[in-house]
Amino acid sequence: MGKIARRTLDIAMTVLTLVLMGGNGLFYNAFSETLDSGLIHEILGAVLFVLWVIHVVWNRTWIKGILKGKYNALRIVRTVINAGVIGCVLFLIISGVMLSNHVFTWLGIESGASFACTAHMLASHGYLVFVSLHIGLHLSLFIRGRAAMGIAAALAAYGIYAFVARGLWKYLTLQQPFFFLDLERGYLLFTLDYIAIMALFAVVMHLAMTAMVKYSR
């Protein structure tokens, strides 16, 4: 597939990730009178999973070569990040199916809701971190030039505040038992904060990768 198709897929997956991270908040405000927000969340979650399957198929050469060749520090980091993404995606789809009230109810799964809820919350925020790190591995493909990198760095700096203010560390350490979206602050600010958080992890990974490449020569 061409570069345009791959970049379009990457952008679509990133946008869906940001939308789904808001839980049902956006859908509740936009479609509460016409459609079930939970149904929309489940459909988009299933769509994101399909896009990930396509992404993995397009990059299957990485999977085929995982047991071949030597591993240096950079390759180990890439493998851990990619494995983290795949693991989180699997936990998300499994827990999502268990929690489904619409799309997958035909499976008749009626137990394990408490475990699935915790797993879904943890996997979704772990997914955000690993995906952001994954983007950081390829950041130079999307951001070029000092000005663009400066903007990314400024956004990442704000991401430190957003990470703390939005309490992501609580979700990642299971200290927050349920997802909370402060609708009074608005969904636009929520999206900006999460973009900044993604930029934070992506920029940190980009800088770490650059350092590893430099000092491995």
N, C-alpha and C. Protein backbone atom coordinates (compact mmCIF):
# COMPACT_ATOMS: atom_id res chain seq x y z
N MET A 1 0.83 -1.19 0.00
CA MET A 1 0.00 0.00 0.00
C MET A 1 0.87 1.26 0.00
N GLY A 2 0.34 2.33 -0.60
CA GLY A 2 1.10 3.56 -0.70
C GLY A 2 1.19 4.30 0.62
N LYS A 3 2.11 5.27 0.64
CA LYS A 3 2.32 6.05 1.85
C LYS A 3 1.07 6.83 2.25
N ILE A 4 0.34 7.33 1.24
CA ILE A 4 -0.86 8.12 1.55
C ILE A 4 -1.88 7.27 2.28
N ALA A 5 -2.07 6.05 1.80
CA ALA A 5 -3.04 5.14 2.44
C ALA A 5 -2.61 4.82 3.86
N ARG A 6 -1.33 4.59 4.07
CA ARG A 6 -0.82 4.28 5.41
C ARG A 6 -0.98 5.47 6.35
N ARG A 7 -0.66 6.67 5.87
CA ARG A 7 -0.78 7.86 6.71
C ARG A 7 -2.25 8.14 7.03
N THR A 8 -3.12 7.92 6.05
CA THR A 8 -4.56 8.11 6.28
C THR A 8 -5.06 7.16 7.36
N LEU A 9 -4.59 5.91 7.28
CA LEU A 9 -4.96 4.92 8.29
C LEU A 9 -4.45 5.34 9.67
N ASP A 10 -3.21 5.79 9.76
CA ASP A 10 -2.63 6.21 11.03
C ASP A 10 -3.41 7.36 11.64
N ILE A 11 -3.76 8.34 10.79
CA ILE A 11 -4.51 9.51 11.28
C ILE A 11 -5.90 9.09 11.75
N ALA A 12 -6.55 8.23 10.99
CA ALA A 12 -7.89 7.76 11.37
C ALA A 12 -7.85 7.03 12.70
N MET A 13 -6.84 6.22 12.91
CA MET A 13 -6.71 5.47 14.16
C MET A 13 -6.45 6.41 15.34
N THR A 14 -5.65 7.45 15.12
CA THR A 14 -5.36 8.41 16.17
C THR A 14 -6.60 9.20 16.55
N VAL A 15 -7.36 9.63 15.55
CA VAL A 15 -8.59 10.38 15.80
C VAL A 15 -9.59 9.52 16.57
N LEU A 16 -9.76 8.27 16.14
CA LEU A 16 -10.68 7.36 16.83
C LEU A 16 -10.24 7.12 18.28
N THR A 17 -8.93 7.02 18.48
CA THR A 17 -8.41 6.84 19.83
C THR A 17 -8.80 7.99 20.73
N LEU A 18 -8.64 9.22 20.25
CA LEU A 18 -8.99 10.40 21.03
C LEU A 18 -10.49 10.47 21.31
N VAL A 19 -11.29 10.13 20.30
CA VAL A 19 -12.75 10.15 20.47
C VAL A 19 -13.17 9.11 21.51
N LEU A 20 -12.63 7.91 21.40
CA LEU A 20 -13.02 6.84 22.30
C LEU A 20 -12.50 7.05 23.72
N MET A 21 -11.39 7.77 23.89
CA MET A 21 -10.87 8.03 25.23
C MET A 21 -11.84 8.87 26.04
N GLY A 22 -12.70 9.60 25.37
CA GLY A 22 -13.70 10.42 26.06
C GLY A 22 -14.89 9.63 26.56
N GLY A 23 -14.80 8.30 26.45
CA GLY A 23 -15.92 7.48 26.88
C GLY A 23 -17.15 7.77 26.05
N ASN A 24 -18.28 7.92 26.70
CA ASN A 24 -19.53 8.22 26.00
C ASN A 24 -19.90 9.70 26.10
N GLY A 25 -18.97 10.51 26.66
CA GLY A 25 -19.28 11.91 26.89
C GLY A 25 -19.66 12.68 25.64
N LEU A 26 -18.84 12.58 24.60
CA LEU A 26 -19.11 13.29 23.36
C LEU A 26 -20.40 12.78 22.72
N PHE A 27 -20.55 11.47 22.69
CA PHE A 27 -21.72 10.88 22.06
C PHE A 27 -23.00 11.22 22.82
N TYR A 28 -22.90 11.30 24.15
CA TYR A 28 -24.08 11.62 24.96
C TYR A 28 -24.58 13.02 24.65
N ASN A 29 -23.64 13.96 24.52
CA ASN A 29 -24.03 15.34 24.24
C ASN A 29 -24.58 15.50 22.82
N ALA A 30 -23.98 14.78 21.88
CA ALA A 30 -24.34 14.98 20.47
C ALA A 30 -25.55 14.16 20.03
N PHE A 31 -25.70 12.96 20.61
CA PHE A 31 -26.72 12.05 20.07
C PHE A 31 -27.69 11.52 21.13
N SER A 32 -27.72 12.13 22.31
CA SER A 32 -28.52 11.58 23.41
C SER A 32 -30.00 11.47 23.08
N GLU A 33 -30.48 12.33 22.17
CA GLU A 33 -31.91 12.32 21.86
C GLU A 33 -32.25 11.41 20.69
N THR A 34 -31.26 10.94 19.99
CA THR A 34 -31.54 10.13 18.80
C THR A 34 -30.92 8.73 18.86
N LEU A 35 -29.69 8.61 19.36
CA LEU A 35 -28.99 7.33 19.38
C LEU A 35 -28.43 7.04 20.76
N ASP A 36 -28.25 5.78 21.06
CA ASP A 36 -27.64 5.37 22.32
C ASP A 36 -26.15 5.61 22.24
N SER A 37 -25.62 6.43 23.17
CA SER A 37 -24.19 6.77 23.14
C SER A 37 -23.32 5.54 23.32
N GLY A 38 -23.80 4.57 24.11
CA GLY A 38 -23.03 3.34 24.31
C GLY A 38 -22.91 2.55 23.03
N LEU A 39 -23.95 2.55 22.23
CA LEU A 39 -23.93 1.84 20.95
C LEU A 39 -22.88 2.44 20.02
N ILE A 40 -22.83 3.76 19.96
CA ILE A 40 -21.85 4.44 19.10
C ILE A 40 -20.44 4.12 19.57
N HIS A 41 -20.24 4.14 20.89
CA HIS A 41 -18.92 3.83 21.45
C HIS A 41 -18.48 2.41 21.06
N GLU A 42 -19.39 1.47 21.15
CA GLU A 42 -19.06 0.09 20.80
C GLU A 42 -18.76 -0.06 19.31
N ILE A 43 -19.53 0.60 18.48
CA ILE A 43 -19.31 0.52 17.03
C ILE A 43 -17.95 1.09 16.66
N LEU A 44 -17.63 2.27 17.19
CA LEU A 44 -16.35 2.89 16.88
C LEU A 44 -15.18 2.08 17.45
N GLY A 45 -15.40 1.46 18.61
CA GLY A 45 -14.37 0.60 19.17
C GLY A 45 -14.10 -0.59 18.27
N ALA A 46 -15.16 -1.18 17.73
CA ALA A 46 -15.01 -2.30 16.81
C ALA A 46 -14.31 -1.86 15.53
N VAL A 47 -14.64 -0.65 15.06
CA VAL A 47 -14.00 -0.11 13.86
C VAL A 47 -12.50 0.08 14.09
N LEU A 48 -12.15 0.62 15.27
CA LEU A 48 -10.73 0.83 15.59
C LEU A 48 -9.99 -0.51 15.63
N PHE A 49 -10.63 -1.53 16.16
CA PHE A 49 -10.00 -2.86 16.19
C PHE A 49 -9.74 -3.36 14.78
N VAL A 50 -10.70 -3.18 13.88
CA VAL A 50 -10.53 -3.60 12.49
C VAL A 50 -9.38 -2.85 11.84
N LEU A 51 -9.29 -1.54 12.12
CA LEU A 51 -8.19 -0.74 11.57
C LEU A 51 -6.84 -1.23 12.10
N TRP A 52 -6.81 -1.68 13.35
CA TRP A 52 -5.57 -2.21 13.90
C TRP A 52 -5.19 -3.53 13.22
N VAL A 53 -6.17 -4.33 12.91
CA VAL A 53 -5.90 -5.58 12.18
C VAL A 53 -5.27 -5.25 10.82
N ILE A 54 -5.83 -4.26 10.15
CA ILE A 54 -5.29 -3.84 8.85
C ILE A 54 -3.87 -3.31 9.02
N HIS A 55 -3.65 -2.52 10.07
CA HIS A 55 -2.32 -1.95 10.34
C HIS A 55 -1.29 -3.06 10.57
N VAL A 56 -1.68 -4.07 11.33
CA VAL A 56 -0.77 -5.18 11.61
C VAL A 56 -0.48 -5.97 10.34
N VAL A 57 -1.49 -6.19 9.52
CA VAL A 57 -1.31 -6.93 8.26
C VAL A 57 -0.36 -6.17 7.34
N TRP A 58 -0.53 -4.86 7.26
CA TRP A 58 0.35 -4.05 6.42
C TRP A 58 1.79 -4.07 6.92
N ASN A 59 1.98 -4.26 8.23
CA ASN A 59 3.33 -4.26 8.81
C ASN A 59 3.74 -5.65 9.28
N ARG A 60 3.23 -6.68 8.61
CA ARG A 60 3.49 -8.06 9.03
C ARG A 60 4.96 -8.45 8.90
N THR A 61 5.73 -7.72 8.11
CA THR A 61 7.15 -8.04 7.99
C THR A 61 7.85 -7.90 9.33
N TRP A 62 7.37 -6.96 10.19
CA TRP A 62 7.95 -6.78 11.52
C TRP A 62 7.71 -8.04 12.36
N ILE A 63 6.50 -8.59 12.26
CA ILE A 63 6.18 -9.79 13.03
C ILE A 63 6.99 -10.98 12.54
N LYS A 64 7.13 -11.10 11.21
CA LYS A 64 7.90 -12.21 10.65
C LYS A 64 9.36 -12.17 11.07
N GLY A 65 9.88 -10.97 11.28
CA GLY A 65 11.30 -10.84 11.59
C GLY A 65 11.61 -10.71 13.07
N ILE A 66 10.59 -10.89 13.93
CA ILE A 66 10.77 -10.64 15.35
C ILE A 66 11.78 -11.59 16.00
N LEU A 67 11.92 -12.78 15.46
CA LEU A 67 12.87 -13.76 16.02
C LEU A 67 14.17 -13.83 15.22
N LYS A 68 14.32 -12.93 14.27
CA LYS A 68 15.51 -12.93 13.42
C LYS A 68 16.43 -11.77 13.77
N GLY A 69 17.71 -11.96 13.54
CA GLY A 69 18.68 -10.90 13.73
C GLY A 69 19.00 -10.62 15.18
N LYS A 70 19.90 -9.66 15.39
CA LYS A 70 20.35 -9.30 16.73
C LYS A 70 19.52 -8.14 17.28
N TYR A 71 19.44 -8.09 18.59
CA TYR A 71 18.69 -7.04 19.26
C TYR A 71 19.63 -6.08 19.96
N ASN A 72 19.53 -4.81 19.59
CA ASN A 72 20.23 -3.77 20.33
C ASN A 72 19.19 -3.05 21.19
N ALA A 73 19.61 -2.01 21.92
CA ALA A 73 18.71 -1.32 22.85
C ALA A 73 17.49 -0.74 22.14
N LEU A 74 17.71 -0.14 20.97
CA LEU A 74 16.61 0.49 20.24
C LEU A 74 15.60 -0.56 19.77
N ARG A 75 16.10 -1.68 19.27
CA ARG A 75 15.18 -2.72 18.79
C ARG A 75 14.39 -3.32 19.94
N ILE A 76 15.01 -3.46 21.10
CA ILE A 76 14.31 -3.98 22.28
C ILE A 76 13.19 -3.03 22.67
N VAL A 77 13.49 -1.74 22.69
CA VAL A 77 12.48 -0.74 23.05
C VAL A 77 11.32 -0.78 22.06
N ARG A 78 11.62 -0.83 20.77
CA ARG A 78 10.57 -0.90 19.75
C ARG A 78 9.70 -2.14 19.93
N THR A 79 10.33 -3.26 20.21
CA THR A 79 9.59 -4.51 20.37
C THR A 79 8.68 -4.45 21.58
N VAL A 80 9.19 -3.90 22.69
CA VAL A 80 8.38 -3.78 23.91
C VAL A 80 7.18 -2.86 23.68
N ILE A 81 7.41 -1.75 23.00
CA ILE A 81 6.33 -0.80 22.74
C ILE A 81 5.27 -1.43 21.83
N ASN A 82 5.71 -2.06 20.75
CA ASN A 82 4.77 -2.68 19.82
C ASN A 82 3.98 -3.81 20.50
N ALA A 83 4.68 -4.59 21.33
CA ALA A 83 4.00 -5.66 22.07
C ALA A 83 3.00 -5.07 23.06
N GLY A 84 3.37 -3.95 23.67
CA GLY A 84 2.47 -3.27 24.60
C GLY A 84 1.19 -2.80 23.91
N VAL A 85 1.34 -2.24 22.72
CA VAL A 85 0.18 -1.80 21.95
C VAL A 85 -0.73 -2.98 21.63
N ILE A 86 -0.14 -4.05 21.10
CA ILE A 86 -0.93 -5.22 20.72
C ILE A 86 -1.63 -5.82 21.94
N GLY A 87 -0.90 -5.91 23.06
CA GLY A 87 -1.49 -6.45 24.28
C GLY A 87 -2.68 -5.63 24.75
N CYS A 88 -2.54 -4.31 24.74
CA CYS A 88 -3.63 -3.43 25.16
C CYS A 88 -4.83 -3.54 24.23
N VAL A 89 -4.57 -3.62 22.92
CA VAL A 89 -5.66 -3.77 21.95
C VAL A 89 -6.43 -5.05 22.22
N LEU A 90 -5.73 -6.14 22.49
CA LEU A 90 -6.40 -7.41 22.76
C LEU A 90 -7.24 -7.34 24.03
N PHE A 91 -6.68 -6.74 25.08
CA PHE A 91 -7.44 -6.59 26.32
C PHE A 91 -8.65 -5.69 26.11
N LEU A 92 -8.50 -4.66 25.29
CA LEU A 92 -9.62 -3.75 25.03
C LEU A 92 -10.76 -4.46 24.31
N ILE A 93 -10.43 -5.24 23.28
CA ILE A 93 -11.50 -5.89 22.53
C ILE A 93 -12.15 -6.99 23.36
N ILE A 94 -11.36 -7.74 24.14
CA ILE A 94 -11.93 -8.80 24.97
C ILE A 94 -12.83 -8.22 26.06
N SER A 95 -12.32 -7.22 26.77
CA SER A 95 -13.13 -6.60 27.83
C SER A 95 -14.31 -5.85 27.24
N GLY A 96 -14.12 -5.25 26.06
CA GLY A 96 -15.22 -4.55 25.39
C GLY A 96 -16.35 -5.49 25.02
N VAL A 97 -16.00 -6.67 24.54
CA VAL A 97 -17.01 -7.68 24.20
C VAL A 97 -17.76 -8.12 25.46
N MET A 98 -17.03 -8.28 26.57
CA MET A 98 -17.66 -8.71 27.82
C MET A 98 -18.60 -7.64 28.37
N LEU A 99 -18.28 -6.37 28.12
CA LEU A 99 -19.09 -5.27 28.64
C LEU A 99 -20.20 -4.84 27.68
N SER A 100 -20.19 -5.39 26.48
CA SER A 100 -21.11 -4.95 25.43
C SER A 100 -22.58 -5.08 25.83
N ASN A 101 -23.32 -4.01 25.57
CA ASN A 101 -24.76 -4.01 25.77
C ASN A 101 -25.52 -3.94 24.45
N HIS A 102 -24.76 -3.96 23.34
CA HIS A 102 -25.39 -3.79 22.04
C HIS A 102 -24.80 -4.72 20.98
N VAL A 103 -23.59 -4.41 20.53
CA VAL A 103 -23.01 -5.06 19.36
C VAL A 103 -22.76 -6.55 19.58
N PHE A 104 -22.30 -6.92 20.78
CA PHE A 104 -21.89 -8.31 21.02
C PHE A 104 -22.80 -9.04 22.02
N THR A 105 -23.99 -8.54 22.24
CA THR A 105 -24.89 -9.19 23.19
C THR A 105 -25.30 -10.58 22.73
N TRP A 106 -25.23 -10.83 21.41
CA TRP A 106 -25.62 -12.13 20.88
C TRP A 106 -24.70 -13.25 21.37
N LEU A 107 -23.53 -12.88 21.92
CA LEU A 107 -22.63 -13.89 22.46
C LEU A 107 -23.11 -14.43 23.81
N GLY A 108 -24.01 -13.68 24.45
CA GLY A 108 -24.59 -14.15 25.70
C GLY A 108 -23.65 -14.14 26.89
N ILE A 109 -22.67 -13.25 26.91
CA ILE A 109 -21.73 -13.17 28.04
C ILE A 109 -22.37 -12.35 29.16
N GLU A 110 -22.58 -12.96 30.31
CA GLU A 110 -23.29 -12.30 31.40
C GLU A 110 -22.47 -12.21 32.68
N SER A 111 -21.26 -12.70 32.69
CA SER A 111 -20.43 -12.69 33.90
C SER A 111 -19.11 -11.98 33.64
N GLY A 112 -18.44 -11.62 34.73
CA GLY A 112 -17.12 -10.99 34.62
C GLY A 112 -17.14 -9.51 34.33
N ALA A 113 -18.31 -8.86 34.54
CA ALA A 113 -18.42 -7.44 34.20
C ALA A 113 -17.49 -6.57 35.04
N SER A 114 -17.34 -6.90 36.31
CA SER A 114 -16.49 -6.11 37.20
C SER A 114 -15.03 -6.18 36.76
N PHE A 115 -14.56 -7.40 36.47
CA PHE A 115 -13.19 -7.57 35.97
C PHE A 115 -13.01 -6.86 34.64
N ALA A 116 -14.00 -7.01 33.74
CA ALA A 116 -13.91 -6.42 32.40
C ALA A 116 -13.87 -4.91 32.47
N CYS A 117 -14.62 -4.32 33.39
CA CYS A 117 -14.64 -2.87 33.53
C CYS A 117 -13.27 -2.34 33.95
N THR A 118 -12.67 -3.02 34.95
CA THR A 118 -11.34 -2.63 35.41
C THR A 118 -10.30 -2.83 34.31
N ALA A 119 -10.38 -3.98 33.63
CA ALA A 119 -9.43 -4.28 32.56
C ALA A 119 -9.56 -3.28 31.42
N HIS A 120 -10.79 -2.90 31.10
CA HIS A 120 -11.02 -1.96 29.98
C HIS A 120 -10.45 -0.59 30.30
N MET A 121 -10.66 -0.14 31.53
CA MET A 121 -10.15 1.17 31.93
C MET A 121 -8.62 1.19 31.94
N LEU A 122 -8.02 0.14 32.52
CA LEU A 122 -6.57 0.06 32.58
C LEU A 122 -5.98 -0.08 31.18
N ALA A 123 -6.56 -0.95 30.36
CA ALA A 123 -6.04 -1.18 29.01
C ALA A 123 -6.19 0.05 28.13
N SER A 124 -7.28 0.80 28.30
CA SER A 124 -7.49 1.99 27.46
C SER A 124 -6.44 3.06 27.73
N HIS A 125 -6.09 3.26 28.99
CA HIS A 125 -5.08 4.27 29.32
C HIS A 125 -3.67 3.76 29.05
N GLY A 126 -3.45 2.46 29.25
CA GLY A 126 -2.18 1.89 28.85
C GLY A 126 -2.00 1.96 27.35
N TYR A 127 -3.10 1.73 26.64
CA TYR A 127 -3.09 1.83 25.17
C TYR A 127 -2.70 3.24 24.73
N LEU A 128 -3.27 4.25 25.39
CA LEU A 128 -2.95 5.63 25.04
C LEU A 128 -1.45 5.89 25.18
N VAL A 129 -0.86 5.39 26.26
CA VAL A 129 0.57 5.60 26.50
C VAL A 129 1.41 4.87 25.45
N PHE A 130 1.11 3.60 25.22
CA PHE A 130 1.90 2.81 24.27
C PHE A 130 1.75 3.33 22.84
N VAL A 131 0.54 3.74 22.46
CA VAL A 131 0.33 4.30 21.12
C VAL A 131 1.12 5.59 20.96
N SER A 132 1.12 6.41 22.00
CA SER A 132 1.88 7.66 21.95
C SER A 132 3.37 7.39 21.81
N LEU A 133 3.88 6.40 22.54
CA LEU A 133 5.28 6.01 22.40
C LEU A 133 5.54 5.46 20.99
N HIS A 134 4.58 4.70 20.47
CA HIS A 134 4.70 4.16 19.12
C HIS A 134 4.79 5.29 18.08
N ILE A 135 3.97 6.32 18.28
CA ILE A 135 4.03 7.49 17.39
C ILE A 135 5.39 8.15 17.51
N GLY A 136 5.93 8.19 18.73
CA GLY A 136 7.24 8.80 18.95
C GLY A 136 8.34 8.11 18.18
N LEU A 137 8.20 6.80 17.97
CA LEU A 137 9.20 6.06 17.19
C LEU A 137 9.25 6.54 15.74
N HIS A 138 8.13 7.10 15.27
CA HIS A 138 8.03 7.52 13.87
C HIS A 138 7.72 9.02 13.76
N LEU A 139 8.01 9.77 14.81
CA LEU A 139 7.63 11.18 14.84
C LEU A 139 8.26 11.99 13.72
N SER A 140 9.47 11.62 13.33
CA SER A 140 10.16 12.37 12.27
C SER A 140 9.45 12.26 10.93
N LEU A 141 8.60 11.26 10.77
CA LEU A 141 7.85 11.10 9.52
C LEU A 141 6.68 12.09 9.44
N PHE A 142 6.22 12.54 10.61
CA PHE A 142 5.06 13.42 10.65
C PHE A 142 5.44 14.87 10.93
N ILE A 143 6.52 15.07 11.68
CA ILE A 143 6.92 16.42 12.06
C ILE A 143 8.33 16.68 11.58
N ARG A 144 8.47 17.67 10.72
CA ARG A 144 9.78 18.01 10.17
C ARG A 144 10.04 19.51 10.31
N GLY A 145 11.27 19.84 10.59
CA GLY A 145 11.62 21.24 10.75
C GLY A 145 11.62 21.67 12.21
N ARG A 146 12.41 22.68 12.51
CA ARG A 146 12.55 23.14 13.89
C ARG A 146 11.26 23.76 14.41
N ALA A 147 10.57 24.49 13.55
CA ALA A 147 9.34 25.15 13.99
C ALA A 147 8.30 24.12 14.41
N ALA A 148 8.12 23.10 13.58
CA ALA A 148 7.14 22.05 13.89
C ALA A 148 7.53 21.30 15.16
N MET A 149 8.81 21.02 15.30
CA MET A 149 9.26 20.31 16.50
C MET A 149 9.13 21.20 17.74
N GLY A 150 9.33 22.50 17.55
CA GLY A 150 9.14 23.44 18.66
C GLY A 150 7.70 23.45 19.15
N ILE A 151 6.76 23.42 18.21
CA ILE A 151 5.34 23.37 18.56
C ILE A 151 5.03 22.07 19.30
N ALA A 152 5.58 20.97 18.79
CA ALA A 152 5.37 19.67 19.44
C ALA A 152 5.94 19.67 20.85
N ALA A 153 7.11 20.29 21.02
CA ALA A 153 7.74 20.35 22.35
C ALA A 153 6.91 21.19 23.31
N ALA A 154 6.36 22.32 22.82
CA ALA A 154 5.52 23.17 23.66
C ALA A 154 4.24 22.43 24.06
N LEU A 155 3.67 21.70 23.13
CA LEU A 155 2.48 20.91 23.41
C LEU A 155 2.79 19.82 24.43
N ALA A 156 3.96 19.23 24.28
CA ALA A 156 4.39 18.18 25.22
C ALA A 156 4.58 18.76 26.63
N ALA A 157 5.12 19.97 26.70
CA ALA A 157 5.31 20.62 28.00
C ALA A 157 3.96 20.82 28.69
N TYR A 158 2.97 21.25 27.93
CA TYR A 158 1.62 21.39 28.49
C TYR A 158 1.06 20.01 28.86
N GLY A 159 1.51 19.00 28.13
CA GLY A 159 1.05 17.64 28.39
C GLY A 159 1.40 17.15 29.80
N ILE A 160 2.48 17.68 30.37
CA ILE A 160 2.85 17.32 31.74
C ILE A 160 1.75 17.75 32.70
N TYR A 161 1.29 19.01 32.51
CA TYR A 161 0.19 19.51 33.34
C TYR A 161 -1.07 18.70 33.11
N ALA A 162 -1.39 18.43 31.84
CA ALA A 162 -2.62 17.70 31.49
C ALA A 162 -2.60 16.29 32.08
N PHE A 163 -1.43 15.66 32.05
CA PHE A 163 -1.30 14.29 32.59
C PHE A 163 -1.66 14.27 34.07
N VAL A 164 -1.19 15.29 34.80
CA VAL A 164 -1.47 15.35 36.24
C VAL A 164 -2.92 15.79 36.48
N ALA A 165 -3.34 16.85 35.78
CA ALA A 165 -4.68 17.40 35.99
C ALA A 165 -5.78 16.40 35.64
N ARG A 166 -5.58 15.63 34.60
CA ARG A 166 -6.59 14.65 34.19
C ARG A 166 -6.46 13.34 34.97
N GLY A 167 -5.44 13.25 35.82
CA GLY A 167 -5.30 12.09 36.69
C GLY A 167 -5.01 10.78 35.98
N LEU A 168 -4.27 10.84 34.86
CA LEU A 168 -3.99 9.60 34.15
C LEU A 168 -3.18 8.62 34.97
N TRP A 169 -2.32 9.13 35.82
CA TRP A 169 -1.52 8.25 36.66
C TRP A 169 -2.41 7.42 37.59
N LYS A 170 -3.56 7.97 37.96
CA LYS A 170 -4.48 7.22 38.81
C LYS A 170 -5.11 6.05 38.05
N TYR A 171 -5.44 6.29 36.78
CA TYR A 171 -6.01 5.21 35.96
C TYR A 171 -4.97 4.11 35.73
N LEU A 172 -3.73 4.53 35.50
CA LEU A 172 -2.67 3.58 35.19
C LEU A 172 -2.24 2.76 36.40
N THR A 173 -2.54 3.26 37.59
CA THR A 173 -2.18 2.54 38.82
C THR A 173 -3.43 2.01 39.54
N LEU A 174 -4.58 2.06 38.84
CA LEU A 174 -5.85 1.54 39.37
C LEU A 174 -6.28 2.21 40.66
N GLN A 175 -5.88 3.47 40.84
CA GLN A 175 -6.33 4.23 42.01
C GLN A 175 -7.62 4.97 41.73
N GLN A 176 -8.03 5.02 40.45
CA GLN A 176 -9.29 5.62 40.05
C GLN A 176 -10.21 4.49 39.59
N PRO A 177 -11.27 4.17 40.33
CA PRO A 177 -12.08 3.00 40.03
C PRO A 177 -13.01 3.13 38.84
N PHE A 178 -13.22 4.35 38.35
CA PHE A 178 -14.10 4.53 37.20
C PHE A 178 -13.64 5.74 36.40
N PHE A 179 -14.04 5.77 35.11
CA PHE A 179 -13.63 6.88 34.25
C PHE A 179 -14.52 8.08 34.51
N PHE A 180 -13.90 9.26 34.63
CA PHE A 180 -14.64 10.49 34.89
C PHE A 180 -14.30 11.52 33.83
N LEU A 181 -15.32 12.04 33.17
CA LEU A 181 -15.14 13.10 32.19
C LEU A 181 -15.90 14.33 32.68
N ASP A 182 -15.15 15.38 33.00
CA ASP A 182 -15.75 16.61 33.50
C ASP A 182 -16.35 17.38 32.33
N LEU A 183 -17.65 17.19 32.11
CA LEU A 183 -18.31 17.81 30.96
C LEU A 183 -18.42 19.33 31.11
N GLU A 184 -18.33 19.83 32.35
CA GLU A 184 -18.40 21.28 32.55
C GLU A 184 -17.19 21.98 31.95
N ARG A 185 -16.07 21.29 31.87
CA ARG A 185 -14.86 21.88 31.27
C ARG A 185 -14.89 21.77 29.76
N GLY A 186 -15.83 21.00 29.24
CA GLY A 186 -16.00 20.91 27.79
C GLY A 186 -15.18 19.81 27.14
N TYR A 187 -15.74 19.24 26.10
CA TYR A 187 -15.06 18.15 25.40
C TYR A 187 -13.88 18.65 24.58
N LEU A 188 -13.93 19.90 24.13
CA LEU A 188 -12.83 20.46 23.34
C LEU A 188 -11.56 20.53 24.17
N LEU A 189 -11.68 20.99 25.42
CA LEU A 189 -10.52 21.07 26.30
C LEU A 189 -10.01 19.67 26.65
N PHE A 190 -10.95 18.74 26.82
CA PHE A 190 -10.56 17.36 27.09
C PHE A 190 -9.70 16.83 25.93
N THR A 191 -10.16 17.07 24.70
CA THR A 191 -9.42 16.59 23.53
C THR A 191 -8.05 17.23 23.44
N LEU A 192 -7.98 18.54 23.69
CA LEU A 192 -6.69 19.25 23.67
C LEU A 192 -5.75 18.66 24.71
N ASP A 193 -6.26 18.40 25.90
CA ASP A 193 -5.42 17.85 26.96
C ASP A 193 -4.87 16.48 26.57
N TYR A 194 -5.71 15.65 25.97
CA TYR A 194 -5.26 14.31 25.61
C TYR A 194 -4.31 14.33 24.41
N ILE A 195 -4.49 15.28 23.51
CA ILE A 195 -3.53 15.46 22.42
C ILE A 195 -2.17 15.84 23.00
N ALA A 196 -2.20 16.74 23.99
CA ALA A 196 -0.96 17.17 24.63
C ALA A 196 -0.29 16.02 25.37
N ILE A 197 -1.09 15.17 26.00
CA ILE A 197 -0.53 14.00 26.70
C ILE A 197 0.12 13.05 25.70
N MET A 198 -0.54 12.84 24.56
CA MET A 198 0.04 12.00 23.52
C MET A 198 1.33 12.61 23.01
N ALA A 199 1.34 13.94 22.84
CA ALA A 199 2.54 14.64 22.38
C ALA A 199 3.67 14.48 23.39
N LEU A 200 3.34 14.52 24.68
CA LEU A 200 4.34 14.36 25.73
C LEU A 200 5.08 13.04 25.58
N PHE A 201 4.35 11.93 25.51
CA PHE A 201 4.99 10.62 25.41
C PHE A 201 5.69 10.44 24.06
N ALA A 202 5.10 11.00 23.01
CA ALA A 202 5.71 10.87 21.68
C ALA A 202 7.04 11.61 21.60
N VAL A 203 7.08 12.82 22.12
CA VAL A 203 8.31 13.62 22.09
C VAL A 203 9.38 13.00 22.97
N VAL A 204 9.00 12.53 24.16
CA VAL A 204 9.96 11.87 25.05
C VAL A 204 10.55 10.64 24.36
N MET A 205 9.71 9.86 23.69
CA MET A 205 10.19 8.67 22.99
C MET A 205 11.09 9.06 21.83
N HIS A 206 10.74 10.11 21.11
CA HIS A 206 11.55 10.58 19.99
C HIS A 206 12.94 11.00 20.46
N LEU A 207 13.00 11.74 21.56
CA LEU A 207 14.27 12.19 22.10
C LEU A 207 15.11 11.01 22.60
N ALA A 208 14.44 10.05 23.26
CA ALA A 208 15.14 8.87 23.76
C ALA A 208 15.69 8.04 22.59
N MET A 209 14.89 7.89 21.55
CA MET A 209 15.32 7.13 20.38
C MET A 209 16.50 7.81 19.69
N THR A 210 16.42 9.14 19.57
CA THR A 210 17.52 9.90 18.96
C THR A 210 18.81 9.70 19.74
N ALA A 211 18.69 9.72 21.07
CA ALA A 211 19.87 9.52 21.93
C ALA A 211 20.44 8.11 21.79
N MET A 212 19.55 7.11 21.70
CA MET A 212 20.01 5.74 21.55
C MET A 212 20.73 5.53 20.23
N VAL A 213 20.20 6.13 19.17
CA VAL A 213 20.83 6.01 17.85
C VAL A 213 22.20 6.69 17.87
N LYS A 214 22.27 7.87 18.51
CA LYS A 214 23.50 8.65 18.54
C LYS A 214 24.61 7.91 19.29
N TYR A 215 24.27 7.37 20.47
CA TYR A 215 25.31 6.77 21.32
C TYR A 215 25.58 5.30 20.99
N SER A 216 24.81 4.74 20.06
CA SER A 216 25.06 3.36 19.65
C SER A 216 26.02 3.29 18.48
N ARG A 217 26.38 4.44 17.94
CA ARG A 217 27.30 4.46 16.79
C ARG A 217 28.74 4.25 17.25
